[in-house]
Amino acid sequence: MWLDDIEPGALQQAKDIANLHHAEGHVALMPDCHQGFGMPIGGVLGTRDVVIPNAVGVDIGCGMCALRTSLQELSRNRLESLIHEIKRSIPVGFRHHKTPRDSKLMPLVKGKMPVVEREYGNATRQLGTLGGGNHFIELQRGSDGYIWIMVHSGSRNIGKQVADHYYRKAVKMNEKAGKDIRPPKQLSFLPLDSEEGETYMREMEYCIGFAFASRKEMMDVVSASVSDITGDDVKFSRFINIAHNYARIEEHFGMKLVVHRKGATSARKGEYGIVPGSQGSNSYITIGRGNPQSFESCSHGAGRVMGRKEAQRKLDLKFEKDKLDKMGIIHSIYRQKDLDEASAAYKNIDKVMKMQSDLVEIDTVLEPLAVVKG
């Protein structure tokens, strides 16, 4: 564990995962760990020969991308204009594009993918849309002296449909398994050599590709808006993309394992990554240290300390709004229901980064300037 304050529910989930018949070695818990569905968010698990849909999660391929601009300053007026243009151009929440996006922007469908084929038409309208929850688009000032753009989004409904479909299949398959290997229902698995396991892996990879294509489309829209509104010959560099909900076959401890990262990021030695803070706190561009004990992983963010409903019920709207106003951030805390994404609902990102100093080193600190929330 890379934390000292794990909640009881998350700890019990970690114990359940560690006791799985197909689990190999230990379970690694990142400093942003908190209770999820079946597996704690911020957890990393290696298995032999099986994949666990709920150890990936419903937002398959959810992740971050970041891009550095050549701008060294953005005035308040230009920031406000940019936020207005982003909200006009990129659907958020449950909204989708009114017309399908060009199919050339979609990942190619290769092999048998029943869920992807069923959901493909809807997905063409969801590509390049932000979604809700903790997803965001943020403009930031880097410690390197440049303005950065960051996007956090996932695979929208197509990822959820794939996750739900194969979770149901896993439950049915595991009901027939012997008592000695039958897992808790939420941790039902699919053998990699089964038709269901092979097809899930194929469809999961498609959702990862879709989530990346969607982030890239939004990043292109924001980049174009930056150029248009500033009127400058803006250059863009250092594009970084990472996912934090997926399973991948990797070699660890001399074995080939299916490494599940649910709310965790790959941090191989020398690998660039992104660890975002909460609304109103810093984010970080990182370089992986390749720590073998974490399965070469790190946290995917700050991690929640309050559930969404709890935050809406307990936090003070005026206090949270005034705090961000005083920081000069263009934020999205205006109504009681917005408090589920207030900074007080999350762990202290600085503490999180200190706890994982043996997992990543900090390359660039990104200070928030303006944010659009899903």
Protein backbone atom coordinates (compact mmCIF):
# COMPACT_ATOMS: atom_id res chain seq x y z
CA MET A 1 0.00 0.00 0.00
CA TRP A 2 1.19 3.49 -0.88
CA LEU A 3 -1.21 5.10 1.61
CA ASP A 4 -1.77 5.21 5.34
CA ASP A 5 -5.49 6.00 5.51
CA ILE A 6 -7.32 3.28 3.58
CA GLU A 7 -11.08 3.08 4.16
CA PRO A 8 -12.43 -0.25 5.51
CA GLY A 9 -14.47 -1.02 2.40
CA ALA A 10 -11.49 -0.61 0.09
CA LEU A 11 -9.31 -2.74 2.36
CA GLN A 12 -11.88 -5.54 2.37
CA GLN A 13 -12.06 -5.41 -1.42
CA ALA A 14 -8.27 -5.65 -1.60
CA LYS A 15 -8.36 -8.72 0.67
CA ASP A 16 -11.02 -10.34 -1.54
CA ILE A 17 -8.89 -9.72 -4.63
CA ALA A 18 -5.72 -11.01 -2.97
CA ASN A 19 -7.54 -14.26 -2.15
CA LEU A 20 -8.65 -14.91 -5.73
CA HIS A 21 -7.51 -18.26 -7.07
CA HIS A 22 -6.03 -16.64 -10.18
CA ALA A 23 -4.36 -13.69 -8.42
CA GLU A 24 -0.57 -13.75 -8.65
CA GLY A 25 1.66 -12.21 -6.00
CA HIS A 26 0.26 -9.20 -4.21
CA VAL A 27 -2.31 -6.47 -4.82
CA ALA A 28 -0.84 -2.96 -5.14
CA LEU A 29 -2.86 -0.04 -3.78
CA MET A 30 -2.01 3.46 -4.97
CA PRO A 31 -2.20 6.54 -2.69
CA ASP A 32 -5.51 7.68 -4.27
CA CYS A 33 -7.16 4.34 -3.41
CA HIS A 34 -10.83 4.29 -2.41
CA GLN A 35 -13.70 1.82 -2.57
CA GLY A 36 -15.07 0.93 -5.98
CA PHE A 37 -17.33 -1.77 -7.43
CA GLY A 38 -15.68 -5.13 -6.82
CA MET A 39 -12.14 -3.76 -6.90
CA PRO A 40 -10.90 -0.61 -5.19
CA ILE A 41 -10.20 2.34 -7.46
CA GLY A 42 -6.48 2.95 -7.35
CA GLY A 43 -5.81 -0.79 -7.34
CA VAL A 44 -3.44 -2.89 -9.47
CA LEU A 45 -3.83 -6.65 -9.81
CA GLY A 46 -1.95 -9.32 -11.76
CA THR A 47 -3.77 -12.53 -12.72
CA ARG A 48 -2.82 -15.75 -14.47
CA ASP A 49 -4.79 -16.64 -17.59
CA VAL A 50 -7.99 -14.75 -16.71
CA VAL A 51 -9.39 -11.25 -17.04
CA ILE A 52 -11.83 -9.69 -14.55
CA PRO A 53 -14.21 -7.13 -16.14
CA ASN A 54 -14.86 -5.32 -12.85
CA ALA A 55 -11.12 -5.00 -12.21
CA VAL A 56 -11.09 -2.79 -15.32
CA GLY A 57 -14.36 -0.99 -14.60
CA VAL A 58 -17.23 0.39 -16.63
CA ASP A 59 -15.41 3.38 -18.13
CA ILE A 60 -12.92 1.33 -20.13
CA GLY A 61 -9.99 3.35 -21.39
CA CYS A 62 -10.80 6.41 -19.31
CA GLY A 63 -7.69 8.55 -19.11
CA MET A 64 -5.92 11.84 -19.65
CA CYS A 65 -4.14 13.70 -22.36
CA ALA A 66 -2.07 16.85 -22.03
CA LEU A 67 -0.57 19.25 -24.56
CA ARG A 68 1.84 22.14 -24.13
CA THR A 69 1.25 25.36 -26.04
CA SER A 70 3.91 27.91 -26.98
CA LEU A 71 1.93 30.57 -25.08
CA GLN A 72 3.41 31.90 -21.87
CA GLU A 73 0.37 33.92 -20.77
CA LEU A 74 -3.40 34.03 -21.26
CA SER A 75 -5.40 37.06 -20.10
CA ARG A 76 -8.59 36.66 -18.10
CA ASN A 77 -10.66 37.88 -21.05
CA ARG A 78 -9.11 35.34 -23.38
CA LEU A 79 -9.59 32.56 -20.83
CA GLU A 80 -13.25 33.44 -20.49
CA SER A 81 -13.64 33.48 -24.28
CA LEU A 82 -11.94 30.10 -24.52
CA ILE A 83 -14.18 28.53 -21.89
CA HIS A 84 -17.25 29.92 -23.68
CA GLU A 85 -16.05 28.48 -27.00
CA ILE A 86 -15.23 25.09 -25.47
CA LYS A 87 -18.71 24.85 -23.94
CA ARG A 88 -20.24 25.80 -27.29
CA SER A 89 -18.18 23.31 -29.29
CA ILE A 90 -17.90 20.26 -27.03
CA PRO A 91 -21.02 18.55 -25.63
CA VAL A 92 -20.81 17.78 -21.91
CA GLY A 93 -22.83 15.65 -19.52
CA PHE A 94 -25.42 13.51 -21.30
CA ARG A 95 -25.33 15.61 -24.47
CA HIS A 96 -23.98 14.17 -27.72
CA HIS A 97 -23.22 15.56 -31.16
CA LYS A 98 -26.39 16.02 -33.20
CA THR A 99 -24.82 14.40 -36.26
CA PRO A 100 -22.35 11.48 -36.45
CA ARG A 101 -18.65 12.24 -36.54
CA ASP A 102 -16.61 11.15 -39.54
CA SER A 103 -16.11 7.38 -39.31
CA LYS A 104 -12.43 7.95 -40.19
CA LEU A 105 -12.03 9.31 -36.64
CA MET A 106 -13.27 6.03 -35.15
CA PRO A 107 -10.96 3.09 -34.44
CA LEU A 108 -11.17 0.25 -36.96
CA VAL A 109 -13.37 -2.71 -36.05
CA LYS A 110 -11.25 -5.83 -36.45
CA GLY A 111 -12.59 -9.27 -35.63
CA LYS A 112 -15.71 -10.29 -33.78
CA MET A 113 -17.04 -7.41 -31.64
CA PRO A 114 -20.77 -7.87 -31.04
CA VAL A 115 -21.21 -5.05 -28.52
CA VAL A 116 -19.07 -2.56 -30.45
CA GLU A 117 -20.97 -3.33 -33.66
CA ARG A 118 -24.28 -2.84 -31.86
CA GLU A 119 -23.22 0.46 -30.27
CA TYR A 120 -21.13 1.82 -33.17
CA GLY A 121 -23.80 4.19 -34.51
CA ASN A 122 -24.40 5.79 -31.12
CA ALA A 123 -20.65 6.01 -30.50
CA THR A 124 -20.13 8.12 -33.65
CA ARG A 125 -22.25 10.80 -31.96
CA GLN A 126 -20.41 10.46 -28.64
CA LEU A 127 -16.88 10.74 -30.04
CA GLY A 128 -15.37 14.03 -28.95
CA THR A 129 -17.85 14.59 -26.10
CA LEU A 130 -16.76 15.08 -22.50
CA GLY A 131 -19.31 13.15 -20.48
CA GLY A 132 -19.99 13.84 -16.81
CA GLY A 133 -18.70 13.00 -13.34
CA ASN A 134 -15.05 13.92 -12.81
CA HIS A 135 -14.26 14.45 -16.49
CA PHE A 136 -12.89 17.87 -17.40
CA ILE A 137 -11.06 20.12 -19.81
CA GLU A 138 -8.57 22.43 -18.11
CA LEU A 139 -6.24 25.24 -19.10
CA GLN A 140 -3.14 25.37 -16.91
CA ARG A 141 0.08 27.28 -16.33
CA GLY A 142 3.11 25.00 -16.24
CA SER A 143 6.17 25.33 -14.03
CA ASP A 144 8.08 25.30 -17.33
CA GLY A 145 6.60 28.72 -18.14
CA TYR A 146 4.07 27.58 -20.75
CA ILE A 147 0.28 27.27 -20.94
CA TRP A 148 -0.97 23.67 -21.07
CA ILE A 149 -4.26 22.02 -22.08
CA MET A 150 -5.50 18.89 -20.29
CA VAL A 151 -8.46 16.62 -21.10
CA HIS A 152 -9.87 13.85 -18.88
CA SER A 153 -12.51 11.64 -20.48
CA GLY A 154 -13.47 8.04 -21.16
CA SER A 155 -15.26 5.71 -23.55
CA ARG A 156 -18.76 7.01 -22.88
CA ASN A 157 -21.62 4.54 -23.25
CA ILE A 158 -19.83 2.09 -25.52
CA GLY A 159 -17.36 1.29 -22.74
CA LYS A 160 -20.13 0.78 -20.21
CA GLN A 161 -22.05 -1.50 -22.55
CA VAL A 162 -18.96 -3.67 -23.15
CA ALA A 163 -18.21 -3.80 -19.41
CA ASP A 164 -21.77 -4.71 -18.41
CA HIS A 165 -22.14 -7.32 -21.17
CA TYR A 166 -19.02 -9.26 -20.24
CA TYR A 167 -19.57 -8.91 -16.50
CA ARG A 168 -22.89 -10.72 -16.96
CA LYS A 169 -21.18 -13.40 -19.03
CA ALA A 170 -18.46 -13.80 -16.40
CA VAL A 171 -21.05 -14.24 -13.64
CA LYS A 172 -22.80 -17.00 -15.60
CA MET A 173 -19.53 -18.78 -16.40
CA ASN A 174 -18.29 -18.60 -12.79
CA GLU A 175 -21.53 -20.01 -11.39
CA LYS A 176 -20.49 -23.29 -13.01
CA ALA A 177 -16.97 -23.20 -11.54
CA GLY A 178 -15.92 -25.32 -8.59
CA LYS A 179 -16.21 -23.89 -5.09
CA ASP A 180 -12.44 -23.67 -4.70
CA ILE A 181 -12.05 -21.18 -7.56
CA ARG A 182 -15.48 -19.48 -7.59
CA PRO A 183 -14.85 -15.78 -6.75
CA PRO A 184 -17.20 -13.24 -5.17
CA LYS A 185 -19.83 -12.31 -7.77
CA GLN A 186 -18.42 -8.82 -8.39
CA LEU A 187 -15.02 -10.35 -9.20
CA SER A 188 -16.26 -12.88 -11.75
CA PHE A 189 -13.63 -13.66 -14.38
CA LEU A 190 -13.29 -14.78 -17.99
CA PRO A 191 -10.59 -17.29 -19.01
CA LEU A 192 -8.32 -15.73 -21.65
CA ASP A 193 -8.51 -18.89 -23.77
CA SER A 194 -12.33 -18.85 -23.84
CA GLU A 195 -14.31 -17.25 -26.65
CA GLU A 196 -15.80 -14.82 -24.13
CA GLY A 197 -12.38 -13.87 -22.77
CA GLU A 198 -10.87 -13.36 -26.21
CA THR A 199 -13.81 -11.26 -27.36
CA TYR A 200 -13.81 -9.14 -24.20
CA MET A 201 -10.11 -8.36 -24.63
CA ARG A 202 -10.76 -7.39 -28.25
CA GLU A 203 -13.71 -5.15 -27.37
CA MET A 204 -11.87 -3.68 -24.38
CA GLU A 205 -8.98 -2.69 -26.67
CA TYR A 206 -11.48 -1.06 -29.02
CA CYS A 207 -12.92 0.99 -26.15
CA ILE A 208 -9.42 2.09 -25.15
CA GLY A 209 -8.87 3.22 -28.73
CA PHE A 210 -12.23 4.98 -28.82
CA ALA A 211 -11.51 6.84 -25.57
CA PHE A 212 -8.15 8.00 -26.94
CA ALA A 213 -9.72 9.09 -30.26
CA SER A 214 -12.37 11.02 -28.32
CA ARG A 215 -9.80 12.82 -26.17
CA LYS A 216 -7.72 13.61 -29.25
CA GLU A 217 -10.77 15.07 -31.01
CA MET A 218 -11.51 17.33 -28.03
CA MET A 219 -7.87 18.34 -27.78
CA ASP A 220 -7.91 19.31 -31.46
CA VAL A 221 -11.03 21.43 -30.91
CA VAL A 222 -9.51 23.21 -27.90
CA SER A 223 -6.19 23.75 -29.70
CA ALA A 224 -7.97 25.34 -32.66
CA SER A 225 -9.92 27.59 -30.30
CA VAL A 226 -6.69 28.68 -28.57
CA SER A 227 -5.20 29.67 -31.91
CA ASP A 228 -8.35 31.45 -33.08
CA ILE A 229 -8.96 33.42 -29.90
CA THR A 230 -5.36 34.46 -29.28
CA GLY A 231 -4.73 35.24 -32.93
CA ASP A 232 -1.17 34.06 -32.40
CA ASP A 233 0.87 31.52 -34.33
CA VAL A 234 0.59 29.01 -31.50
CA LYS A 235 2.78 25.91 -31.56
CA PHE A 236 1.81 22.74 -29.75
CA SER A 237 4.17 20.09 -28.38
CA ARG A 238 4.67 17.35 -25.78
CA PHE A 239 1.38 15.54 -26.39
CA ILE A 240 0.97 12.90 -23.68
CA ASN A 241 -1.85 10.34 -23.46
CA ILE A 242 -2.46 7.75 -20.75
CA ALA A 243 -5.32 5.44 -19.78
CA HIS A 244 -6.14 4.36 -16.25
CA ASN A 245 -8.89 1.73 -16.63
CA TYR A 246 -7.68 -1.30 -18.58
CA ALA A 247 -6.07 -4.75 -18.53
CA ARG A 248 -2.86 -5.55 -20.40
CA ILE A 249 -0.60 -8.58 -20.67
CA GLU A 250 2.77 -7.63 -19.17
CA GLU A 251 5.77 -9.39 -17.69
CA HIS A 252 6.38 -8.97 -13.95
CA PHE A 253 8.41 -11.09 -11.53
CA GLY A 254 9.44 -13.35 -14.40
CA MET A 255 5.83 -14.18 -15.33
CA LYS A 256 3.40 -13.07 -18.01
CA LEU A 257 0.41 -11.62 -16.18
CA VAL A 258 -2.83 -9.90 -17.03
CA VAL A 259 -2.24 -6.61 -15.20
CA HIS A 260 -5.50 -4.87 -14.29
CA ARG A 261 -5.28 -1.15 -13.55
CA LYS A 262 -8.48 0.36 -12.22
CA GLY A 263 -7.87 4.02 -11.51
CA ALA A 264 -4.12 3.49 -11.83
CA THR A 265 -1.57 4.52 -14.44
CA SER A 266 1.38 2.75 -16.00
CA ALA A 267 4.66 4.20 -14.69
CA ARG A 268 7.40 2.26 -16.43
CA LYS A 269 10.92 3.60 -16.05
CA GLY A 270 11.22 6.78 -18.13
CA GLU A 271 7.54 6.74 -19.16
CA TYR A 272 5.75 10.09 -19.12
CA GLY A 273 2.44 10.21 -17.29
CA ILE A 274 -0.23 12.54 -15.97
CA VAL A 275 -1.53 12.78 -12.39
CA PRO A 276 -4.33 15.35 -12.15
CA GLY A 277 -5.38 17.07 -8.97
CA SER A 278 -8.90 18.04 -8.02
CA GLN A 279 -10.63 21.20 -9.19
CA GLY A 280 -8.56 24.06 -7.81
CA SER A 281 -5.37 22.10 -7.12
CA ASN A 282 -2.23 21.40 -9.12
CA SER A 283 -1.77 18.58 -11.61
CA TYR A 284 1.50 16.90 -12.55
CA ILE A 285 3.36 15.61 -15.58
CA THR A 286 5.41 12.71 -14.24
CA ILE A 287 8.18 10.34 -15.25
CA GLY A 288 7.86 6.72 -14.15
CA ARG A 289 10.49 5.09 -11.95
CA GLY A 290 9.49 1.53 -12.92
CA ASN A 291 8.98 0.34 -9.34
CA PRO A 292 8.41 -3.43 -9.62
CA GLN A 293 6.41 -3.67 -6.38
CA SER A 294 3.66 -1.46 -7.85
CA PHE A 295 3.62 -3.46 -11.10
CA GLU A 296 5.28 -0.32 -12.51
CA SER A 297 2.22 1.81 -11.73
CA CYS A 298 1.20 5.01 -9.97
CA SER A 299 -1.99 6.84 -8.96
CA HIS A 300 -4.40 8.27 -11.53
CA GLY A 301 -5.23 11.36 -9.48
CA ALA A 302 -5.95 12.59 -5.99
CA GLY A 303 -8.67 10.08 -5.08
CA ARG A 304 -11.97 10.78 -3.37
CA VAL A 305 -12.48 11.17 0.38
CA MET A 306 -16.24 11.78 0.02
CA GLY A 307 -18.87 10.13 -2.12
CA ARG A 308 -20.73 12.40 -4.53
CA LYS A 309 -23.94 12.59 -2.53
CA GLU A 310 -22.00 13.00 0.70
CA ALA A 311 -20.08 15.96 -0.72
CA GLN A 312 -23.26 17.61 -1.96
CA ARG A 313 -24.80 17.15 1.48
CA LYS A 314 -21.88 18.12 3.72
CA LEU A 315 -19.85 20.79 1.91
CA ASP A 316 -20.61 24.51 2.09
CA LEU A 317 -21.32 25.95 -1.35
CA LYS A 318 -20.35 29.54 -0.53
CA PHE A 319 -17.08 28.49 1.09
CA GLU A 320 -16.02 26.23 -1.80
CA LYS A 321 -17.01 28.81 -4.42
CA ASP A 322 -15.29 31.70 -2.62
CA LYS A 323 -12.12 29.63 -2.24
CA LEU A 324 -11.85 29.14 -6.00
CA ASP A 325 -12.84 32.74 -6.73
CA LYS A 326 -10.02 34.01 -4.50
CA MET A 327 -7.58 31.80 -6.40
CA GLY A 328 -8.68 33.52 -9.61
CA ILE A 329 -9.71 30.22 -11.26
CA ILE A 330 -12.57 30.09 -13.76
CA HIS A 331 -14.34 27.11 -12.17
CA SER A 332 -17.63 25.20 -12.20
CA ILE A 333 -18.84 25.35 -8.59
CA TYR A 334 -22.11 27.30 -8.76
CA ARG A 335 -24.85 25.01 -7.46
CA GLN A 336 -25.17 22.56 -4.57
CA LYS A 337 -24.98 19.60 -6.92
CA ASP A 338 -21.61 20.86 -8.23
CA LEU A 339 -20.04 20.16 -4.82
CA ASP A 340 -19.41 16.52 -5.75
CA GLU A 341 -16.42 17.88 -7.70
CA ALA A 342 -15.22 20.40 -5.09
CA SER A 343 -11.59 20.05 -4.02
CA ALA A 344 -12.67 19.17 -0.47
CA ALA A 345 -14.24 15.97 -1.83
CA TYR A 346 -10.75 14.77 -2.83
CA LYS A 347 -7.51 13.89 -1.10
CA ASN A 348 -4.66 16.38 -0.90
CA ILE A 349 -2.77 15.90 -4.18
CA ASP A 350 0.51 17.12 -2.65
CA LYS A 351 0.34 14.37 -0.03
CA VAL A 352 -0.54 11.84 -2.73
CA MET A 353 2.54 12.83 -4.73
CA LYS A 354 4.81 12.56 -1.67
CA MET A 355 3.48 9.08 -0.94
CA GLN A 356 4.37 7.88 -4.41
CA SER A 357 7.76 9.56 -4.75
CA ASP A 358 9.26 6.08 -5.25
CA LEU A 359 6.85 5.43 -8.14
CA VAL A 360 7.24 8.64 -10.17
CA GLU A 361 9.30 11.79 -10.29
CA ILE A 362 7.68 15.15 -11.04
CA ASP A 363 8.55 16.64 -14.41
CA THR A 364 6.17 19.64 -14.61
CA VAL A 365 3.72 21.17 -12.13
CA LEU A 366 0.52 22.46 -13.74
CA GLU A 367 -1.41 25.22 -11.97
CA PRO A 368 -5.14 25.50 -12.88
CA LEU A 369 -6.39 28.60 -14.68
CA ALA A 370 -9.81 27.61 -16.04
CA VAL A 371 -11.85 24.42 -16.12
CA VAL A 372 -14.89 22.97 -17.88
CA LYS A 373 -16.49 20.10 -15.94
CA GLY A 374 -18.75 17.38 -17.27
